[in-house]
Protein backbone atom coordinates (compact mmCIF):
# COMPACT_ATOMS: atom_id res chain seq x y z
CA MET A 1 147.01 178.95 106.19
CA GLU A 2 146.91 175.10 106.66
CA PHE A 3 149.64 172.98 105.50
CA ASN A 4 148.63 170.80 102.43
CA TRP A 5 149.41 167.25 103.73
CA ARG A 6 147.73 165.54 100.85
CA GLY A 7 150.08 167.39 98.39
CA ALA A 8 153.13 166.57 100.27
CA VAL A 9 152.13 162.93 100.63
CA ASP A 10 151.50 162.65 96.96
CA ARG A 11 154.64 164.44 96.02
CA ASN A 12 156.82 162.23 98.22
CA CYS A 13 155.03 158.94 97.19
CA GLU A 14 155.62 159.74 93.54
CA ILE A 15 159.22 160.18 94.01
CA LEU A 16 159.55 157.00 96.16
CA CYS A 17 157.61 155.00 93.70
CA THR A 18 160.26 156.07 91.10
CA ILE A 19 162.95 154.94 93.45
CA ALA A 20 161.23 151.70 93.98
CA GLY A 21 160.94 151.11 90.30
CA ARG A 22 164.67 151.84 89.96
CA LEU A 23 165.23 149.09 92.67
CA ILE A 24 163.03 146.64 90.84
CA VAL A 25 165.25 146.99 87.66
CA MET A 26 168.35 146.65 89.58
CA ALA A 27 167.34 143.56 91.38
CA GLY A 28 166.12 141.88 88.29
CA ILE A 29 162.50 141.47 89.47
CA GLN A 30 160.65 140.58 86.24
CA ALA A 31 157.33 138.93 85.80
CA GLY A 32 156.85 138.18 89.37
CA ARG A 33 160.30 136.55 89.82
CA THR A 34 163.27 137.50 91.71
CA ALA A 35 166.92 136.73 91.05
CA ASP A 36 168.25 134.18 93.81
CA THR A 37 171.60 135.63 93.91
CA LEU A 38 173.29 138.93 93.01
CA PRO A 39 177.02 140.06 92.90
CA ARG A 40 178.03 141.47 96.16
CA PHE A 41 178.68 144.98 94.89
CA LEU A 42 175.33 145.24 93.29
CA TYR A 43 173.67 143.82 96.54
CA LEU A 44 175.29 146.44 98.60
CA ARG A 45 174.33 149.20 96.10
CA ILE A 46 170.71 148.24 96.25
CA LEU A 47 170.61 147.93 100.06
CA ALA A 48 172.32 151.46 100.36
CA LEU A 49 169.21 152.83 98.46
CA LEU A 50 166.66 150.46 99.72
CA ARG A 51 167.10 151.22 103.48
CA PRO A 52 166.70 155.08 103.30
CA ALA A 53 163.78 154.37 101.01
CA GLU A 54 162.14 152.06 103.63
CA PHE A 55 162.57 154.67 106.41
CA ALA A 56 160.99 157.41 104.18
CA ALA A 57 158.11 155.31 103.37
CA ARG A 58 157.29 154.61 106.98
CA ARG A 59 157.41 158.25 107.76
CA LEU A 60 155.13 158.85 104.69
CA ILE A 61 152.69 156.26 106.10
CA ALA A 62 152.81 158.03 109.35
CA MET A 63 152.01 161.38 107.76
CA ALA A 64 148.99 159.78 105.87
CA ALA A 65 147.79 157.93 109.00
CA CYS A 66 147.91 161.19 111.26
CA LYS A 67 146.60 163.63 108.85
CA LEU A 68 144.51 161.95 106.08
CA VAL A 69 142.73 159.30 108.22
CA MET A 70 139.65 159.88 110.40
CA ILE A 71 139.11 157.74 113.48
CA THR A 72 135.67 157.46 115.25
CA VAL A 73 135.35 155.33 118.38
CA ARG A 74 131.67 154.32 119.10
CA PRO A 75 130.41 154.89 122.71
CA VAL A 76 129.69 151.71 124.59
CA THR A 77 125.97 152.45 125.22
CA GLU A 78 125.26 152.81 121.31
CA ARG A 79 126.65 149.27 120.60
CA ARG A 80 123.95 146.35 120.21
CA ARG A 81 126.60 143.67 120.46
CA PRO A 82 130.27 143.72 121.01
CA PRO A 83 131.80 144.31 117.47
CA ARG A 84 135.18 142.56 116.29
CA ASN A 85 136.75 146.03 116.09
CA SER A 86 135.35 149.16 117.77
CA VAL A 87 137.43 151.44 115.71
CA ILE A 88 135.89 152.97 112.57
CA LEU A 89 138.50 153.77 109.90
CA GLY A 90 138.24 155.83 106.75
CA LEU A 91 139.70 158.50 104.55
CA GLU A 92 139.04 161.95 106.07
CA PRO A 93 136.41 163.80 104.11
CA ARG A 94 138.20 166.99 104.09
CA THR A 95 141.10 165.48 102.12
CA HIS A 96 138.99 165.17 99.04
CA SER A 97 137.65 168.09 97.00
CA GLY A 98 134.07 168.10 96.28
CA ASP A 99 130.96 166.43 97.49
CA ALA A 100 130.63 162.84 98.69
CA ALA A 101 130.04 161.52 95.25
CA THR A 102 133.13 163.33 94.05
CA ALA A 103 135.04 161.88 97.19
CA SER A 104 133.89 158.24 96.65
CA LYS A 105 134.86 158.50 92.95
CA THR A 106 138.23 159.50 93.88
CA GLU A 107 138.70 156.78 96.24
CA ASN A 108 137.63 154.31 93.63
CA GLU A 109 139.95 155.53 90.80
CA GLU A 110 142.93 153.72 89.75
CA PRO A 111 146.45 154.52 90.73
CA SER A 112 148.17 157.32 89.04
CA SER A 113 149.89 156.52 85.66
CA VAL A 114 153.26 157.25 87.21
CA ILE A 115 152.91 154.79 90.09
CA ALA A 116 151.07 152.14 88.20
CA GLY A 117 153.29 152.57 85.20
CA VAL A 118 156.45 152.06 87.27
CA LEU A 119 155.31 149.10 89.42
CA ARG A 120 153.91 147.22 86.38
CA LEU A 121 157.13 147.87 84.49
CA GLY A 122 158.92 145.65 87.12
CA GLY A 123 156.39 142.94 87.36
CA VAL A 124 154.73 144.09 90.54
CA ASN A 125 151.18 144.45 89.79
CA PRO A 126 149.01 146.96 91.93
CA ARG A 127 146.82 145.35 94.43
CA VAL A 128 142.92 144.93 93.54
CA ASN A 129 140.46 146.00 96.04
CA HIS A 130 138.10 143.35 96.95
CA GLU A 131 135.18 145.69 97.09
CA ASP A 132 135.95 146.71 93.45
CA GLY A 133 135.84 142.94 92.29
CA VAL A 134 132.55 142.55 93.95
CA ARG A 135 131.15 145.91 92.50
CA ASN A 136 132.20 144.86 88.92
CA LYS A 137 131.01 141.27 89.35
CA THR A 138 134.20 139.76 88.42
CA PRO A 139 135.76 137.04 90.35
CA ARG A 140 139.00 137.77 92.32
CA LYS A 141 141.92 135.54 91.37
CA ALA A 142 143.99 134.07 94.20
CA ALA A 143 147.62 135.12 94.02
CA ASP A 144 150.08 132.64 93.14
CA THR A 145 152.55 133.59 96.02
CA PRO A 146 151.64 135.54 99.15
CA GLN A 147 152.81 139.05 98.81
CA PRO A 148 155.23 140.39 101.64
CA ALA A 149 153.93 142.76 104.13
CA PHE A 150 155.75 146.09 104.70
CA VAL A 151 157.18 146.63 108.34
CA LEU A 152 155.54 149.76 109.76
CA PHE A 153 158.06 150.07 112.44
CA ASP A 154 161.73 151.00 112.37
CA PRO A 155 164.16 148.46 113.59
CA PHE A 156 166.11 149.02 116.68
CA LYS A 157 169.52 150.09 116.52
CA PRO A 158 172.26 147.25 116.95
CA PHE A 159 174.42 148.37 119.87
CA ALA A 160 177.42 146.13 119.69
CA GLU A 161 180.22 146.01 122.28
CA PRO A 162 182.80 148.87 121.47
CA TRP A 163 185.62 146.63 122.58
CA LEU A 164 187.18 143.53 121.44
CA THR A 165 186.52 140.13 123.16
CA GLU A 166 189.56 138.10 124.51
CA ALA A 167 188.98 135.62 121.59
CA GLU A 168 189.24 138.54 119.14
CA ILE A 169 192.45 140.01 120.87
CA ALA A 170 194.07 136.61 120.66
CA ALA A 171 193.18 136.20 116.95
CA LEU A 172 195.10 139.44 116.11
CA ASP A 173 198.29 137.46 116.42
CA ASN A 174 197.00 134.32 114.75
CA PRO A 175 195.10 135.11 111.52
CA SER A 176 194.31 131.47 110.93
CA ASP A 177 191.78 131.28 113.94
CA GLY A 178 188.97 132.29 111.49
CA VAL A 179 187.52 134.86 114.10
CA PHE A 180 188.00 137.67 111.61
CA VAL A 181 186.38 137.02 108.20
CA PRO A 182 188.57 138.21 105.43
CA ALA A 183 187.31 140.54 102.70
CA SER A 184 185.10 138.97 100.15
CA ARG A 185 185.37 139.54 96.43
CA PRO A 186 183.00 142.18 94.84
CA ASN A 187 181.80 139.62 92.26
CA GLU A 188 180.94 137.02 94.75
CA PRO A 189 177.37 135.89 94.60
CA VAL A 190 175.12 136.73 97.60
CA ASP A 191 171.64 135.36 98.36
CA ALA A 192 169.14 138.16 97.36
CA ARG A 193 165.80 136.39 97.98
CA ALA A 194 165.21 138.36 101.21
CA LEU A 195 166.33 141.60 99.54
CA GLY A 196 163.79 140.93 96.60
CA ARG A 197 161.06 140.40 99.11
CA ARG A 198 161.83 143.75 100.83
CA ILE A 199 161.76 145.46 97.48
CA ARG A 200 158.36 143.93 96.68
CA ALA A 201 157.05 144.94 100.06
CA LEU A 202 158.10 148.54 99.47
CA ALA A 203 156.54 148.62 96.16
CA ASN A 204 153.24 147.10 97.33
CA ALA A 205 153.19 149.64 100.35
CA LEU A 206 153.60 152.56 98.15
CA ASP A 207 150.79 151.24 95.61
CA ASP A 208 148.44 150.81 98.64
CA LEU A 209 149.41 153.77 100.64
CA ASP A 210 145.82 154.42 102.06
CA GLY A 211 145.70 150.70 103.22
CA GLN A 212 149.05 151.01 105.03
CA ALA A 213 147.79 154.27 106.68
CA LEU A 214 144.83 152.50 107.88
CA ARG A 215 147.00 149.69 109.40
CA LEU A 216 149.11 152.28 111.32
CA ALA A 217 146.02 154.24 112.55
CA ARG A 218 144.42 151.00 113.72
CA TRP A 219 147.60 150.32 115.83
CA ARG A 220 147.50 153.87 117.09
CA ALA A 221 143.95 153.52 118.25
CA ARG A 222 144.56 150.20 119.94
CA ARG A 223 147.74 151.62 121.64
CA ALA A 224 145.57 154.67 123.07
CA ALA A 225 143.10 152.15 124.40
CA GLY A 226 145.96 150.27 126.04
CA SER A 227 145.88 147.10 123.96
CA GLY A 228 148.38 147.94 121.13
CA ARG A 229 150.84 145.44 120.01
CA PRO A 230 153.84 145.79 119.84
CA ILE A 231 154.13 148.02 122.87
CA ARG A 232 156.01 151.15 121.32
CA PHE A 233 155.36 154.74 121.86
CA SER A 234 155.76 155.39 118.04
CA PRO A 235 156.83 153.64 114.95
CA PHE A 236 160.11 155.68 114.61
CA ARG A 237 163.23 154.78 116.46
CA PRO A 238 165.27 157.62 118.26
CA GLY A 239 167.83 159.68 116.22
CA PHE A 240 168.09 160.09 112.50
CA PRO A 241 167.26 157.47 110.11
CA PRO A 242 170.10 155.79 108.00
CA GLY A 243 170.98 157.86 105.02
CA TRP A 244 169.94 161.19 106.57
CA ARG A 245 172.06 164.22 105.61
CA LYS A 246 172.00 167.74 106.76
CA ARG A 247 172.68 168.81 103.24
CA PRO A 248 171.29 166.15 100.96
CA LYS A 249 172.87 165.75 97.50
CA THR A 250 170.96 162.82 95.99
CA GLU A 251 167.10 162.43 95.53
CA ILE A 252 166.70 159.85 98.28
CA GLU A 253 168.42 161.87 100.75
CA GLU A 254 166.09 164.81 99.94
CA VAL A 255 162.97 162.85 100.16
CA LEU A 256 164.19 161.06 103.53
CA LYS A 257 165.05 164.53 104.95
CA GLU A 258 161.54 165.86 104.22
CA CYS A 259 159.70 162.75 105.14
CA ASN A 260 161.50 162.52 108.41
CA TYR A 261 160.64 166.11 109.33
CA LEU A 262 157.07 165.99 108.18
CA GLY A 263 156.55 162.52 109.68
CA LEU A 264 157.74 163.50 113.13
CA GLU A 265 155.65 166.71 112.89
CA ALA A 266 152.53 164.84 112.14
CA TRP A 267 153.00 162.33 114.62
CA ASN A 268 153.71 164.71 117.49
CA THR A 269 150.88 167.27 116.63
CA SER A 270 147.98 164.72 116.00
């Protein structure tokens, strides 16, 4: 029996959308605006939830790119002129039930009420497809502010030196040198503009999961042809992602463990 990749993607995407909506409320993102500063304790609490959600979303996108996207490369002899992109991307027909008409109807439907409701609640409206605007003869309004793009590749692990430098050793006897920063107060305001952009990028990526899957599949096709940038073997970094637990206790830990296993399985078997 073949594994239901579409069901796994939809189930985990719904959970991540709920978590993204929770982050939107915690960060105070309302009506398209983000709080400039947040208390340090709240900033760290949001970051502890945001980082595992980002890693889980990248693995969810990899699952959709490997199992729900069909890639066809045209032979050189069939081309009349050099196209801008030789890779034809589209949703795999077998991932939708019914005939072609039913499949096209499913693709043009609006996001689910759970996802759209959560994102609209926090002031992040789902993206409008340009083809839908042309089809409905309605002009597409330009966004007031550019939407942040979601990073499809895991950041590399920071490997700091495991020993103290000579200046740090000398500063142990003289605390007034300023080498070691004293502990900050929990209520100290911290700049949260970058954190708000990351939350928006995560929410937009989950709302446009098929588009993000096409982005990753396009990069994978270019890398297979020898021209992919960045030059990496996979979008995942070695080891377990931050927040991974062998025995998960929270919702984000459970979805991260499942997405990590399924994402690696989909990437290695495709």
